[in-house]
Amino acid sequence: MDAHISQQDWIARAEKVLPGGGFGNFDPGIVIREGRGSRVWDEDGKEYIDYLIGSGPMLLGHGHPEVLEAVQEQLAKGMTFFANNARGIELAEEICDAVACADQVRFVSTGGEADMYAMRLARAHTGRDKIVKFEGGYHGMSAEALMSLAPTRLANFPMAVPDSAGIPDSVRDHMLIAPFNDIDFIRQLLAEHAGEIAAVIAEPLQRLIPPEPGFLEALRAETEKHGILLIFDEVVTGFRLAYGGAQELYGVTPDLCSLGKIIGGGFPLAAIAGKAEVMAHFDKAKVGEAGFTLQIGTLSGNPVAAAAGLKTMEILRRSGSYERLRARGVSIMKALEEHLSEAGVDHQIVGDPVLFDVVFASDRVTGYRGVLRGDASLGKRFNQKLREKGIFKPDGKIYPSLALTDDDIAQTVDAISYAAKHIGGS
């Protein structure tokens, strides 16, 4: 054990061996020692209520005893096989039962992989090359996904802006960018490029931004009209917005979806799920050499991850789980609205009770550029004040979990009141 080593020492060690001093995910100025239930502790022993929850997977909280039991049972039988295993098959069956578009499932290790393969599958199925994505939409780290994810230089639609060095210019030529929630623009774009577009990929709840009434329905109708596949990125929303994900909540069924986070119960596991005729491109015997989409992964369908995911999903199916989760979120949203309004701070509470945050802007937010107009520096100060009071959250998101207690909510409300009073009004 290295319990005697201070957090600052760990930070110094990280700076020597990790680019930027971190894993590339979260603030490298904090090093987490452990998590239990709704809380985490850093290496100096400071305790926080956890609203990051591993960027989403820990919906039940940390170290849920039933999940640990399922994992330990599988560990004794083997950690990975690179072969079919019963737990992975059971998990695929449960996903197919739960998710409207899922006739079949192919496992990978990360949500970014699932999105990448979903786009490749759409190209294989349609014989077309172009992909439409929405500005500000997050679909992993592939070259296609890193187009107009978080551009600071706002180009005219549908021009794509790369978010990373190292991406060939040719990738940009195959990506078309649209504003989220603007169905008139989508209608025009799809009509103009119909014969070139393989798929539209969308987060049905984009980061925090809910779809406007009728937007997803119109998107489904327009893609069907032009023979274009619709991909829902449900890595975040799957088994969170509802047991059947955004497809259940919003009542719109895509051709393909990507899943991750919750289906692995805290372990690396993700999936592409979709209609049988599209998923057939993973089966050379059905589509032949020309239509075959190659996919291999060392840990795909890992039995430990599958066991954790199956138990997590079993617990989520229990009566009242989603009602409790939403009630926790509503309590926090109400507190944010009340205390920020009292402090005279311009703000919008954006999202769904199971996934939301504050955008410090006066105008209603319906797309990426609305978020960009918010006061990001005020947001960072707000988050820092929350952290001072023991609230652990990322910039741009609050993830409630089922592990939250009444005491956690009371402490969170007190922290929100404190932060609102100490960041200054407009």
Protein backbone atom coordinates (compact mmCIF):
# COMPACT_ATOMS: atom_id res chain seq x y z
CA MET A 1 0.00 0.00 0.00
CA ASP A 2 1.15 3.56 -0.75
CA ALA A 3 -1.27 5.29 1.62
CA HIS A 4 1.55 7.41 3.07
CA ILE A 5 2.27 9.07 -0.29
CA SER A 6 0.57 12.46 -0.59
CA GLN A 7 -1.60 13.48 -3.49
CA GLN A 8 0.94 16.14 -4.47
CA ASP A 9 3.64 13.47 -4.69
CA TRP A 10 1.44 11.35 -6.93
CA ILE A 11 0.80 14.40 -9.13
CA ALA A 12 4.55 15.02 -9.41
CA ARG A 13 5.15 11.39 -10.34
CA ALA A 14 2.39 11.52 -12.96
CA GLU A 15 3.90 14.61 -14.56
CA LYS A 16 7.08 12.66 -15.30
CA VAL A 17 5.47 9.67 -16.98
CA LEU A 18 2.10 10.88 -18.36
CA PRO A 19 1.70 13.56 -21.07
CA GLY A 20 0.04 16.55 -19.43
CA GLY A 21 0.35 14.73 -16.13
CA GLY A 22 -2.78 12.67 -16.66
CA PHE A 23 -4.71 10.04 -18.57
CA GLY A 24 -6.27 12.65 -20.86
CA ASN A 25 -9.67 12.39 -19.21
CA PHE A 26 -10.15 14.46 -16.07
CA ASP A 27 -8.39 17.18 -14.07
CA PRO A 28 -4.90 15.76 -13.30
CA GLY A 29 -4.80 17.88 -10.14
CA ILE A 30 -6.77 15.24 -8.26
CA VAL A 31 -5.85 11.58 -7.78
CA ILE A 32 -8.64 9.28 -6.64
CA ARG A 33 -7.74 6.63 -4.07
CA GLU A 34 -11.03 4.77 -3.76
CA GLY A 35 -14.77 4.86 -4.21
CA ARG A 36 -17.57 3.39 -2.10
CA GLY A 37 -21.25 3.87 -2.77
CA SER A 38 -21.95 7.49 -3.68
CA ARG A 39 -18.54 8.79 -2.59
CA VAL A 40 -14.88 8.92 -3.60
CA TRP A 41 -11.74 9.82 -1.67
CA ASP A 42 -8.58 11.41 -3.04
CA GLU A 43 -5.04 10.40 -2.06
CA ASP A 44 -5.03 12.96 0.78
CA GLY A 45 -8.20 11.40 2.17
CA LYS A 46 -10.57 14.24 1.18
CA GLU A 47 -14.09 12.90 0.72
CA TYR A 48 -16.43 13.88 -2.12
CA ILE A 49 -19.94 13.06 -3.27
CA ASP A 50 -19.32 11.63 -6.71
CA TYR A 51 -21.24 13.12 -9.65
CA LEU A 52 -18.60 12.04 -12.17
CA ILE A 53 -19.23 8.31 -11.49
CA GLY A 54 -16.47 7.21 -13.85
CA SER A 55 -18.00 9.36 -16.63
CA GLY A 56 -21.24 7.43 -16.39
CA PRO A 57 -20.75 3.68 -15.85
CA MET A 58 -21.18 3.63 -12.07
CA LEU A 59 -24.92 4.25 -12.12
CA LEU A 60 -25.34 2.02 -9.06
CA GLY A 61 -22.45 3.69 -7.24
CA HIS A 62 -19.05 2.22 -6.41
CA GLY A 63 -18.59 -1.31 -5.14
CA HIS A 64 -22.20 -2.44 -5.26
CA PRO A 65 -22.13 -5.74 -3.33
CA GLU A 66 -24.21 -7.72 -5.83
CA VAL A 67 -22.03 -6.59 -8.74
CA LEU A 68 -18.88 -7.44 -6.78
CA GLU A 69 -20.27 -10.90 -6.06
CA ALA A 70 -21.02 -11.51 -9.75
CA VAL A 71 -17.54 -10.33 -10.74
CA GLN A 72 -15.80 -12.47 -8.12
CA GLU A 73 -17.76 -15.52 -9.22
CA GLN A 74 -16.64 -15.00 -12.82
CA LEU A 75 -13.02 -14.19 -11.87
CA ALA A 76 -12.70 -17.63 -10.32
CA LYS A 77 -13.74 -19.14 -13.67
CA GLY A 78 -11.49 -17.05 -15.90
CA MET A 79 -10.81 -13.44 -16.84
CA THR A 80 -10.84 -13.54 -20.64
CA PHE A 81 -10.88 -16.14 -23.40
CA PHE A 82 -10.94 -14.46 -26.87
CA ALA A 83 -13.79 -16.88 -27.52
CA ASN A 84 -17.53 -17.03 -27.06
CA ASN A 85 -18.58 -17.32 -23.43
CA ALA A 86 -21.94 -17.73 -21.71
CA ARG A 87 -21.95 -14.39 -19.88
CA GLY A 88 -21.32 -12.48 -23.10
CA ILE A 89 -24.08 -14.37 -24.91
CA GLU A 90 -26.51 -13.70 -22.04
CA LEU A 91 -25.63 -9.99 -22.13
CA ALA A 92 -26.26 -9.85 -25.88
CA GLU A 93 -29.66 -11.50 -25.33
CA GLU A 94 -30.58 -8.96 -22.66
CA ILE A 95 -29.55 -6.03 -24.87
CA CYS A 96 -31.62 -7.40 -27.74
CA ASP A 97 -34.63 -7.72 -25.42
CA ALA A 98 -34.23 -4.18 -24.07
CA VAL A 99 -33.19 -2.04 -27.04
CA ALA A 100 -35.70 -1.41 -29.83
CA CYS A 101 -33.26 -1.43 -32.76
CA ALA A 102 -31.25 -4.41 -31.54
CA ASP A 103 -31.78 -7.59 -33.53
CA GLN A 104 -28.13 -8.47 -33.01
CA VAL A 105 -25.11 -7.22 -31.08
CA ARG A 106 -21.35 -7.10 -31.69
CA PHE A 107 -19.15 -6.38 -28.66
CA VAL A 108 -16.11 -4.10 -28.51
CA SER A 109 -14.24 -2.56 -25.58
CA THR A 110 -15.04 1.17 -25.79
CA GLY A 111 -17.87 3.42 -26.90
CA GLY A 112 -15.56 5.16 -29.35
CA GLU A 113 -14.88 1.84 -31.06
CA ALA A 114 -18.62 1.14 -31.22
CA ASP A 115 -19.25 4.47 -32.94
CA MET A 116 -16.38 3.94 -35.37
CA TYR A 117 -17.64 0.49 -36.36
CA ALA A 118 -21.24 1.73 -36.63
CA MET A 119 -20.15 4.33 -39.19
CA ARG A 120 -18.07 1.75 -41.06
CA LEU A 121 -20.98 -0.68 -41.04
CA ALA A 122 -23.26 1.98 -42.52
CA ARG A 123 -20.78 2.59 -45.33
CA ALA A 124 -20.56 -1.14 -46.02
CA HIS A 125 -24.35 -1.47 -46.10
CA THR A 126 -25.11 1.53 -48.31
CA GLY A 127 -22.02 1.67 -50.50
CA ARG A 128 -21.78 5.40 -49.76
CA ASP A 129 -18.98 7.30 -48.04
CA LYS A 130 -20.28 10.46 -46.38
CA ILE A 131 -21.38 10.69 -42.75
CA VAL A 132 -23.49 13.47 -41.25
CA LYS A 133 -22.82 14.42 -37.65
CA PHE A 134 -24.06 17.28 -35.50
CA GLU A 135 -21.80 20.07 -34.34
CA GLY A 136 -20.83 19.46 -30.72
CA GLY A 137 -21.78 15.79 -30.83
CA TYR A 138 -19.32 13.42 -29.15
CA HIS A 139 -18.73 10.04 -30.79
CA GLY A 140 -15.34 8.96 -29.50
CA MET A 141 -11.85 9.58 -30.82
CA SER A 142 -11.89 8.26 -34.40
CA ALA A 143 -10.88 10.64 -37.17
CA GLU A 144 -14.52 10.99 -38.25
CA ALA A 145 -15.72 11.65 -34.71
CA LEU A 146 -13.12 14.35 -34.16
CA MET A 147 -14.77 16.62 -36.69
CA SER A 148 -16.57 19.65 -35.21
CA LEU A 149 -16.74 18.11 -31.77
CA ALA A 150 -15.80 21.32 -29.95
CA PRO A 151 -14.74 23.86 -32.57
CA THR A 152 -13.65 27.29 -31.42
CA ARG A 153 -13.52 28.45 -35.03
CA LEU A 154 -17.12 28.31 -36.21
CA ALA A 155 -17.29 27.37 -39.87
CA ASN A 156 -20.31 27.60 -42.13
CA PHE A 157 -22.39 24.43 -42.17
CA PRO A 158 -21.86 21.74 -43.45
CA MET A 159 -18.07 22.31 -43.41
CA ALA A 160 -16.23 20.10 -40.92
CA VAL A 161 -13.54 21.45 -38.60
CA PRO A 162 -10.97 18.94 -37.25
CA ASP A 163 -10.52 18.95 -33.47
CA SER A 164 -7.13 17.25 -33.44
CA ALA A 165 -3.80 17.24 -35.16
CA GLY A 166 -2.92 14.14 -37.11
CA ILE A 167 -6.16 13.81 -39.10
CA PRO A 168 -5.77 13.67 -42.90
CA ASP A 169 -7.57 16.37 -44.87
CA SER A 170 -9.32 13.63 -46.83
CA VAL A 171 -11.40 12.71 -43.76
CA ARG A 172 -12.99 16.16 -43.78
CA ASP A 173 -14.22 15.57 -47.33
CA HIS A 174 -16.40 12.68 -46.12
CA MET A 175 -18.01 14.45 -43.14
CA LEU A 176 -20.96 16.85 -43.26
CA ILE A 177 -21.78 18.90 -40.17
CA ALA A 178 -25.25 20.09 -39.19
CA PRO A 179 -26.67 22.12 -36.28
CA PHE A 180 -28.50 19.98 -33.74
CA ASN A 181 -32.27 20.55 -33.52
CA ASP A 182 -32.46 22.25 -36.94
CA ILE A 183 -34.59 19.91 -38.99
CA ASP A 184 -35.01 22.36 -41.87
CA PHE A 185 -31.26 22.34 -42.41
CA ILE A 186 -31.16 18.54 -42.22
CA ARG A 187 -33.94 18.18 -44.78
CA GLN A 188 -32.04 20.39 -47.21
CA LEU A 189 -28.69 18.72 -46.54
CA LEU A 190 -29.98 15.17 -46.98
CA ALA A 191 -31.87 16.07 -50.14
CA GLU A 192 -28.81 17.72 -51.66
CA HIS A 193 -26.38 14.87 -50.83
CA ALA A 194 -28.77 11.91 -50.62
CA GLY A 195 -26.85 9.64 -52.98
CA GLU A 196 -23.59 10.22 -51.12
CA ILE A 197 -24.61 9.87 -47.45
CA ALA A 198 -24.27 6.52 -45.70
CA ALA A 199 -25.54 7.57 -42.28
CA VAL A 200 -26.51 10.29 -39.87
CA ILE A 201 -25.00 9.76 -36.41
CA ALA A 202 -26.56 11.57 -33.48
CA GLU A 203 -26.66 11.57 -29.73
CA PRO A 204 -30.43 11.65 -29.19
CA LEU A 205 -29.69 13.76 -26.11
CA GLN A 206 -26.66 15.66 -27.40
CA ARG A 207 -24.27 16.00 -24.47
CA LEU A 208 -26.88 17.78 -22.34
CA ILE A 209 -29.15 19.21 -25.01
CA PRO A 210 -32.56 17.53 -25.37
CA PRO A 211 -34.10 17.12 -28.81
CA GLU A 212 -36.77 19.67 -29.66
CA PRO A 213 -40.26 18.17 -30.01
CA GLY A 214 -40.48 16.36 -33.35
CA PHE A 215 -36.78 16.63 -34.19
CA LEU A 216 -35.86 12.96 -33.82
CA GLU A 217 -39.08 11.87 -35.51
CA ALA A 218 -38.33 14.10 -38.48
CA LEU A 219 -34.73 12.89 -38.58
CA ARG A 220 -35.99 9.30 -38.73
CA ALA A 221 -38.45 10.13 -41.51
CA GLU A 222 -35.88 12.02 -43.60
CA THR A 223 -33.20 9.33 -43.36
CA GLU A 224 -35.70 6.63 -44.33
CA LYS A 225 -36.88 8.75 -47.25
CA HIS A 226 -33.37 8.84 -48.73
CA GLY A 227 -32.20 5.34 -47.82
CA ILE A 228 -29.75 6.70 -45.25
CA LEU A 229 -29.04 4.80 -42.04
CA LEU A 230 -29.75 6.49 -38.72
CA ILE A 231 -27.27 5.78 -35.92
CA PHE A 232 -28.05 6.73 -32.33
CA ASP A 233 -25.01 7.07 -30.13
CA GLU A 234 -26.43 5.69 -26.87
CA VAL A 235 -23.12 5.14 -25.12
CA VAL A 236 -24.25 7.67 -22.50
CA THR A 237 -28.05 7.46 -22.77
CA GLY A 238 -28.41 3.68 -23.05
CA PHE A 239 -29.90 2.20 -19.86
CA ARG A 240 -29.74 5.67 -18.28
CA LEU A 241 -32.60 7.72 -19.76
CA ALA A 242 -34.75 4.59 -19.48
CA TYR A 243 -34.03 0.86 -19.46
CA GLY A 244 -34.44 0.87 -23.24
CA GLY A 245 -32.45 4.10 -23.52
CA ALA A 246 -33.34 7.14 -25.57
CA GLN A 247 -35.13 4.91 -28.06
CA GLU A 248 -37.64 4.02 -25.36
CA LEU A 249 -37.91 7.50 -23.84
CA TYR A 250 -38.35 9.34 -27.14
CA GLY A 251 -40.10 6.58 -29.09
CA VAL A 252 -37.80 6.76 -32.14
CA THR A 253 -35.98 3.67 -33.42
CA PRO A 254 -32.71 4.02 -35.38
CA ASP A 255 -31.11 1.43 -37.65
CA LEU A 256 -28.03 1.09 -35.45
CA CYS A 257 -26.95 2.23 -32.03
CA SER A 258 -23.79 2.23 -29.98
CA LEU A 259 -23.85 1.25 -26.32
CA GLY A 260 -21.26 1.41 -23.54
CA LYS A 261 -20.66 2.53 -19.97
CA ILE A 262 -23.55 0.92 -18.05
CA ILE A 263 -23.57 -2.37 -20.02
CA GLY A 264 -20.07 -3.12 -18.67
CA GLY A 265 -20.90 -2.33 -15.05
CA GLY A 266 -17.67 -0.34 -14.65
CA PHE A 267 -15.48 -2.57 -16.83
CA PRO A 268 -14.35 -1.90 -20.44
CA LEU A 269 -17.20 -3.13 -22.64
CA ALA A 270 -19.29 -1.57 -25.39
CA ALA A 271 -21.39 -2.74 -28.31
CA ILE A 272 -22.87 -2.00 -31.70
CA ALA A 273 -26.50 -3.09 -31.89
CA GLY A 274 -28.80 -2.95 -34.85
CA LYS A 275 -31.06 -4.44 -37.46
CA ALA A 276 -30.16 -7.91 -38.67
CA GLU A 277 -29.75 -6.92 -42.32
CA VAL A 278 -27.17 -4.29 -41.37
CA MET A 279 -25.40 -6.36 -38.71
CA ALA A 280 -25.07 -9.12 -41.34
CA HIS A 281 -22.03 -7.26 -42.70
CA PHE A 282 -20.08 -8.67 -39.75
CA ASP A 283 -20.80 -12.17 -41.13
CA LYS A 284 -18.80 -13.00 -44.25
CA ALA A 285 -20.90 -16.10 -44.90
CA LYS A 286 -23.97 -13.89 -45.38
CA VAL A 287 -22.56 -10.93 -47.33
CA GLY A 288 -19.46 -12.30 -49.08
CA GLU A 289 -15.97 -10.85 -49.26
CA ALA A 290 -16.99 -7.51 -50.77
CA GLY A 291 -19.56 -6.67 -48.10
CA PHE A 292 -17.70 -8.06 -45.11
CA THR A 293 -16.84 -5.63 -42.28
CA LEU A 294 -13.87 -6.93 -40.29
CA GLN A 295 -14.01 -6.50 -36.52
CA ILE A 296 -11.71 -8.18 -34.02
CA GLY A 297 -10.93 -7.19 -30.43
CA THR A 298 -8.88 -8.97 -27.75
CA LEU A 299 -11.34 -8.17 -24.95
CA SER A 300 -14.58 -8.07 -26.95
CA GLY A 301 -17.31 -9.82 -24.96
CA ASN A 302 -15.05 -10.11 -21.91
CA PRO A 303 -16.85 -12.38 -19.41
CA VAL A 304 -15.97 -10.34 -16.30
CA ALA A 305 -17.34 -7.15 -17.85
CA ALA A 306 -20.38 -9.04 -19.12
CA ALA A 307 -21.08 -10.45 -15.64
CA ALA A 308 -20.84 -6.96 -14.12
CA GLY A 309 -23.10 -5.54 -16.83
CA LEU A 310 -25.71 -8.28 -16.47
CA LYS A 311 -25.97 -7.77 -12.72
CA THR A 312 -26.11 -3.98 -13.10
CA MET A 313 -28.93 -4.31 -15.63
CA GLU A 314 -30.79 -6.77 -13.40
CA ILE A 315 -30.73 -4.23 -10.57
CA LEU A 316 -31.90 -1.45 -12.88
CA ARG A 317 -34.91 -3.57 -13.88
CA ARG A 318 -36.15 -3.65 -10.29
CA SER A 319 -39.27 -1.68 -9.48
CA GLY A 320 -38.74 2.01 -8.82
CA SER A 321 -35.09 2.25 -9.92
CA TYR A 322 -35.58 4.90 -12.59
CA GLU A 323 -38.16 6.78 -10.55
CA ARG A 324 -35.63 7.10 -7.70
CA LEU A 325 -32.86 8.15 -10.06
CA ARG A 326 -35.02 10.85 -11.64
CA ALA A 327 -36.24 12.09 -8.28
CA ARG A 328 -32.63 12.62 -7.17
CA GLY A 329 -31.90 14.57 -10.34
CA VAL A 330 -35.01 16.72 -10.01
CA SER A 331 -34.02 17.67 -6.44
CA ILE A 332 -30.61 18.88 -7.62
CA MET A 333 -32.04 20.72 -10.64
CA LYS A 334 -34.51 22.55 -8.40
CA ALA A 335 -31.73 23.57 -6.04
CA LEU A 336 -29.61 24.90 -8.90
CA GLU A 337 -32.53 26.93 -10.24
CA GLU A 338 -33.45 28.32 -6.84
CA HIS A 339 -30.02 29.34 -5.61
CA LEU A 340 -28.63 30.67 -8.89
CA SER A 341 -31.78 32.73 -9.40
CA GLU A 342 -31.52 34.13 -5.87
CA ALA A 343 -27.89 35.07 -6.57
CA GLY A 344 -28.88 36.89 -9.77
CA VAL A 345 -26.73 34.68 -12.00
CA ASP A 346 -27.79 34.22 -15.64
CA HIS A 347 -28.15 30.50 -16.21
CA GLN A 348 -29.96 27.68 -17.97
CA ILE A 349 -30.42 24.21 -16.48
CA VAL A 350 -29.91 22.00 -19.51
CA GLY A 351 -30.53 18.27 -19.84
CA ASP A 352 -32.64 15.50 -18.33
CA PRO A 353 -32.93 14.71 -14.60
CA VAL A 354 -30.61 11.72 -15.11
CA LEU A 355 -27.94 13.84 -16.88
CA PHE A 356 -27.76 17.64 -16.75
CA ASP A 357 -25.77 20.72 -15.78
CA VAL A 358 -25.80 24.50 -15.72
CA VAL A 359 -24.93 26.63 -18.74
CA PHE A 360 -24.21 30.17 -17.58
CA ALA A 361 -26.11 31.94 -20.35
CA SER A 362 -29.27 34.04 -20.53
CA ASP A 363 -30.62 32.52 -23.77
CA ARG A 364 -32.27 29.11 -24.11
CA VAL A 365 -29.79 26.48 -25.29
CA THR A 366 -30.80 24.27 -28.22
CA GLY A 367 -27.42 23.52 -29.80
CA TYR A 368 -23.64 23.63 -29.45
CA ARG A 369 -23.34 27.31 -30.25
CA GLY A 370 -25.77 28.12 -27.45
CA VAL A 371 -23.48 26.29 -25.02
CA LEU A 372 -20.48 28.11 -26.48
CA ARG A 373 -22.12 31.47 -25.74
CA GLY A 374 -22.26 30.57 -22.06
CA ASP A 375 -19.72 31.92 -19.59
CA ALA A 376 -17.28 28.99 -19.32
CA SER A 377 -15.05 30.78 -16.79
CA LEU A 378 -18.05 31.28 -14.50
CA GLY A 379 -18.82 27.59 -14.87
CA LYS A 380 -15.30 26.63 -13.82
CA ARG A 381 -15.51 28.90 -10.77
CA PHE A 382 -18.84 27.37 -9.85
CA ASN A 383 -17.43 23.85 -10.13
CA GLN A 384 -14.41 24.82 -8.03
CA LYS A 385 -16.64 26.20 -5.27
CA LEU A 386 -18.65 22.97 -5.36
CA ARG A 387 -15.45 20.95 -5.03
CA GLU A 388 -14.46 23.01 -2.00
CA LYS A 389 -17.66 21.73 -0.40
CA GLY A 390 -17.04 18.12 -1.30
CA ILE A 391 -18.84 17.84 -4.66
CA PHE A 392 -16.91 15.93 -7.33
CA LYS A 393 -18.17 16.64 -10.85
CA PRO A 394 -16.77 17.22 -14.32
CA ASP A 395 -17.15 20.42 -16.30
CA GLY A 396 -20.39 20.22 -18.23
CA LYS A 397 -22.16 17.32 -16.53
CA ILE A 398 -23.87 16.11 -13.40
CA TYR A 399 -24.43 12.36 -13.32
CA PRO A 400 -26.80 11.36 -10.48
CA SER A 401 -26.47 7.76 -9.29
CA LEU A 402 -28.77 5.35 -7.49
CA ALA A 403 -26.31 5.30 -4.60
CA LEU A 404 -27.17 8.89 -3.58
CA THR A 405 -28.73 9.17 -0.12
CA ASP A 406 -30.91 11.86 1.42
CA ASP A 407 -27.82 13.12 3.28
CA ASP A 408 -25.92 13.34 -0.02
CA ILE A 409 -28.68 15.43 -1.56
CA ALA A 410 -28.80 17.72 1.49
CA GLN A 411 -25.03 18.26 1.33
CA THR A 412 -25.25 18.88 -2.41
CA VAL A 413 -27.97 21.50 -1.96
CA ASP A 414 -25.89 23.25 0.70
CA ALA A 415 -22.87 23.22 -1.63
CA ILE A 416 -24.95 24.69 -4.48
CA SER A 417 -26.16 27.47 -2.17
CA TYR A 418 -22.56 28.24 -1.15
CA ALA A 419 -21.25 28.18 -4.74
CA ALA A 420 -24.05 30.40 -6.06
CA LYS A 421 -23.28 33.02 -3.41
CA HIS A 422 -19.56 33.04 -4.08
CA ILE A 423 -19.24 33.28 -7.87
CA GLY A 424 -20.89 36.70 -8.30
CA GLY A 425 -24.05 37.72 -10.13
CA SER A 426 -24.70 39.33 -13.49
